[in-house]
Protein backbone atom coordinates (compact mmCIF):
# COMPACT_ATOMS: atom_id res chain seq x y z
CA UNK A 1 -29.74 52.80 -19.06
CA UNK A 2 -33.43 53.76 -18.99
CA UNK A 3 -32.71 57.24 -20.34
CA UNK A 4 -30.60 55.84 -23.16
CA UNK A 5 -33.34 53.34 -24.07
CA UNK A 6 -36.02 56.06 -23.96
CA UNK A 7 -33.98 58.34 -26.23
CA UNK A 8 -33.39 55.57 -28.79
CA UNK A 9 -36.97 54.24 -28.71
CA UNK A 10 -38.52 57.68 -29.04
CA UNK A 11 -36.13 58.28 -31.94
CA UNK A 12 -38.01 55.56 -33.86
CA UNK A 13 -41.45 56.88 -32.82
CA UNK A 14 -42.17 54.67 -29.81
CA UNK A 15 -43.93 56.22 -26.81
CA UNK A 16 -42.10 55.45 -23.55
CA UNK A 17 -43.36 55.76 -19.97
CA UNK A 18 -42.08 54.61 -16.58
CA UNK A 19 -43.92 53.88 -13.34
CA UNK A 20 -42.68 52.80 -9.93
CA UNK A 21 -45.49 50.35 -9.21
CA UNK A 22 -47.70 47.94 -11.05
CA UNK A 23 -50.79 49.77 -9.72
CA UNK A 24 -49.58 53.07 -11.21
CA UNK A 25 -48.85 51.40 -14.53
CA UNK A 26 -52.27 49.70 -14.55
CA UNK A 27 -54.03 53.00 -13.79
CA UNK A 28 -52.19 54.68 -16.67
CA UNK A 29 -52.86 51.75 -19.02
CA UNK A 30 -56.61 51.71 -18.36
CA UNK A 31 -56.84 55.50 -18.74
CA UNK A 32 -54.90 55.24 -22.03
CA UNK A 33 -57.20 52.52 -23.37
CA UNK A 34 -60.32 54.54 -22.56
CA UNK A 35 -58.87 57.75 -23.98
CA UNK A 36 -58.02 55.91 -27.21
CA UNK A 37 -61.52 54.47 -27.60
CA UNK A 38 -61.62 51.03 -25.94
CA UNK A 39 -65.03 49.48 -26.64
CA UNK A 40 -66.61 46.10 -27.24
CA UNK A 41 -66.79 46.53 -31.02
CA UNK A 42 -64.41 45.36 -33.76
CA UNK A 43 -61.37 47.64 -34.19
CA UNK A 44 -61.89 48.96 -30.62
CA UNK A 45 -61.12 45.94 -28.42
CA UNK A 46 -57.97 45.15 -26.46
CA UNK A 47 -56.39 41.70 -26.10
CA UNK A 48 -54.09 41.07 -23.15
CA UNK A 49 -51.77 38.07 -23.46
CA UNK A 50 -50.95 36.01 -20.40
CA UNK A 51 -48.02 37.48 -18.45
CA UNK A 52 -46.60 37.87 -14.95
CA UNK A 53 -47.87 41.46 -14.77
CA UNK A 54 -51.37 39.98 -14.36
CA UNK A 55 -50.40 37.73 -11.43
CA UNK A 56 -52.63 38.56 -8.47
CA UNK A 57 -54.79 41.03 -10.42
CA UNK A 58 -58.55 40.42 -10.45
CA UNK A 59 -59.22 39.79 -14.13
CA UNK A 60 -62.97 39.78 -13.55
CA UNK A 61 -62.67 43.37 -12.32
CA UNK A 62 -60.53 44.27 -15.34
CA UNK A 63 -63.05 42.58 -17.63
CA UNK A 64 -65.63 45.14 -16.49
CA UNK A 65 -63.85 47.48 -18.93
CA UNK A 66 -65.95 46.81 -22.04
CA UNK A 67 -63.72 45.55 -24.83
CA UNK A 68 -60.81 44.27 -22.67
CA UNK A 69 -60.31 40.54 -23.26
CA UNK A 70 -57.86 37.91 -22.07
CA UNK A 71 -58.68 35.12 -24.52
CA UNK A 72 -56.27 35.56 -27.41
CA UNK A 73 -57.14 34.03 -30.77
CA UNK A 74 -55.97 34.86 -34.27
CA UNK A 75 -59.46 36.06 -35.17
CA UNK A 76 -59.78 38.37 -32.14
CA UNK A 77 -56.24 39.70 -32.63
CA UNK A 78 -56.95 40.52 -36.27
CA UNK A 79 -59.87 42.77 -35.26
CA UNK A 80 -58.43 44.21 -32.02
CA UNK A 81 -57.20 47.77 -31.84
CA UNK A 82 -54.92 47.16 -28.85
CA UNK A 83 -52.58 44.29 -28.08
CA UNK A 84 -51.00 44.12 -24.63
CA UNK A 85 -48.01 41.93 -23.89
CA UNK A 86 -45.14 41.79 -21.46
CA UNK A 87 -41.70 41.98 -22.97
CA UNK A 88 -38.78 40.52 -21.06
CA UNK A 89 -35.95 42.75 -22.22
CA UNK A 90 -35.18 46.19 -23.62
CA UNK A 91 -31.89 47.02 -25.38
CA UNK A 92 -30.59 50.44 -24.37
CA UNK A 93 -28.28 50.91 -27.36
CA UNK A 94 -31.02 50.47 -29.99
CA UNK A 95 -34.32 51.15 -28.20
CA UNK A 96 -35.46 47.64 -29.14
CA UNK A 97 -37.64 45.28 -27.15
CA UNK A 98 -37.02 41.54 -26.99
CA UNK A 99 -39.15 38.66 -25.84
CA UNK A 100 -39.34 34.91 -25.83
CA UNK A 101 -42.36 34.67 -28.12
CA UNK A 102 -42.58 30.92 -28.31
CA UNK A 103 -46.23 31.28 -27.17
CA UNK A 104 -48.26 32.33 -30.22
CA UNK A 105 -50.47 34.60 -28.09
CA UNK A 106 -47.47 36.88 -27.52
CA UNK A 107 -46.85 37.17 -31.25
CA UNK A 108 -50.51 37.75 -32.08
CA UNK A 109 -51.03 40.67 -29.66
CA UNK A 110 -47.74 42.31 -30.57
CA UNK A 111 -48.15 42.13 -34.35
CA UNK A 112 -51.81 42.18 -35.44
CA UNK A 113 -53.52 45.05 -33.51
CA UNK A 114 -52.80 48.61 -34.63
CA UNK A 115 -51.51 49.66 -31.19
CA UNK A 116 -49.10 47.44 -29.27
CA UNK A 117 -48.71 48.18 -25.56
CA UNK A 118 -45.58 46.56 -24.16
CA UNK A 119 -45.13 46.13 -20.41
CA UNK A 120 -41.47 45.81 -19.44
CA UNK A 121 -39.74 45.29 -16.08
CA UNK A 122 -37.25 48.14 -15.67
CA UNK A 123 -34.68 45.57 -14.53
CA UNK A 124 -34.98 43.99 -18.01
CA UNK A 125 -33.06 46.85 -19.61
CA UNK A 126 -29.82 45.47 -21.03
CA UNK A 127 -26.99 47.45 -22.61
CA UNK A 128 -26.90 45.66 -25.99
CA UNK A 129 -27.58 42.61 -28.16
CA UNK A 130 -24.52 40.57 -27.03
CA UNK A 131 -25.75 40.84 -23.42
CA UNK A 132 -29.21 39.64 -24.49
CA UNK A 133 -27.84 36.73 -26.51
CA UNK A 134 -25.76 35.61 -23.53
CA UNK A 135 -29.02 35.30 -21.53
CA UNK A 136 -31.14 33.46 -24.12
CA UNK A 137 -30.73 29.72 -24.55
CA UNK A 138 -32.07 28.28 -27.84
CA UNK A 139 -33.59 25.24 -26.10
CA UNK A 140 -35.72 27.52 -23.92
CA UNK A 141 -36.57 30.10 -26.58
CA UNK A 142 -37.76 28.75 -29.91
CA UNK A 143 -38.87 32.19 -31.13
CA UNK A 144 -37.07 35.35 -30.07
CA UNK A 145 -39.04 38.44 -31.11
CA UNK A 146 -37.34 41.81 -31.55
CA UNK A 147 -39.40 45.02 -31.84
CA UNK A 148 -37.94 48.43 -32.65
CA UNK A 149 -40.64 51.10 -32.84
CA UNK A 150 -43.89 50.90 -34.76
CA UNK A 151 -43.99 48.92 -38.00
CA UNK A 152 -42.52 50.89 -40.88
CA UNK A 153 -41.51 50.33 -44.46
CA UNK A 154 -40.21 52.42 -47.31
CA UNK A 155 -40.32 49.72 -49.97
CA UNK A 156 -43.36 51.23 -51.72
CA UNK A 157 -41.82 53.81 -54.05
CA UNK A 158 -39.41 54.76 -51.23
CA UNK A 159 -42.18 56.47 -49.28
CA UNK A 160 -42.09 55.84 -45.52
CA UNK A 161 -45.30 54.17 -44.42
CA UNK A 162 -46.16 53.35 -40.79
CA UNK A 163 -48.23 50.32 -39.78
CA UNK A 164 -48.20 48.31 -43.00
CA UNK A 165 -46.65 45.12 -41.57
CA UNK A 166 -47.69 45.52 -37.94
CA UNK A 167 -48.74 48.05 -35.31
CA UNK A 168 -48.72 51.73 -36.25
CA UNK A 169 -48.09 52.69 -32.61
CA UNK A 170 -45.85 51.19 -29.94
CA UNK A 171 -46.46 52.24 -26.34
CA UNK A 172 -43.81 50.99 -23.90
CA UNK A 173 -44.56 51.01 -20.18
CA UNK A 174 -41.67 50.29 -17.83
CA UNK A 175 -42.55 49.13 -14.32
CA UNK A 176 -39.87 49.33 -11.64
CA UNK A 177 -41.79 47.00 -9.29
CA UNK A 178 -41.64 44.19 -11.84
CA UNK A 179 -37.95 43.83 -11.26
CA UNK A 180 -36.34 46.79 -9.54
CA UNK A 181 -34.56 49.82 -10.89
CA UNK A 182 -31.83 50.08 -13.49
């Protein structure tokens, strides 16, 4: 299912990568942030929302990367270049990501910065929407977010524009170790 997801997601301009371990994914992520200009100035910072990927990782060591922050506020998200969140599911048939975004921090980092980096357990790949909806219970998920590629619109004189209503880039990083292989 990973290959099908990758094909569909790349078809809507997402960038998709896969790593066996959390350490490999973290190494790639930090290198990506630095290559793309991570710094402790507005429009160059990264906000990382609370997630299980961070469990057991020394955040003080990560904070040594100037511009990488773990306190998510609306103000910081509005001026951040990168937003990092962990998505729970990926739909193979559409290349879409899905997440219980009841926590506002998840919504802020995935919608306000110009580059959204989504960390996804490879085991979270599902075949389709009916499979996802069978897993989600409304009492446990007040806000189900669906993301398919970078933000795009063609409602301005029918000209396709990227990044008007959200991130202009979506980088998806699958991690096998976060839940096995699919």
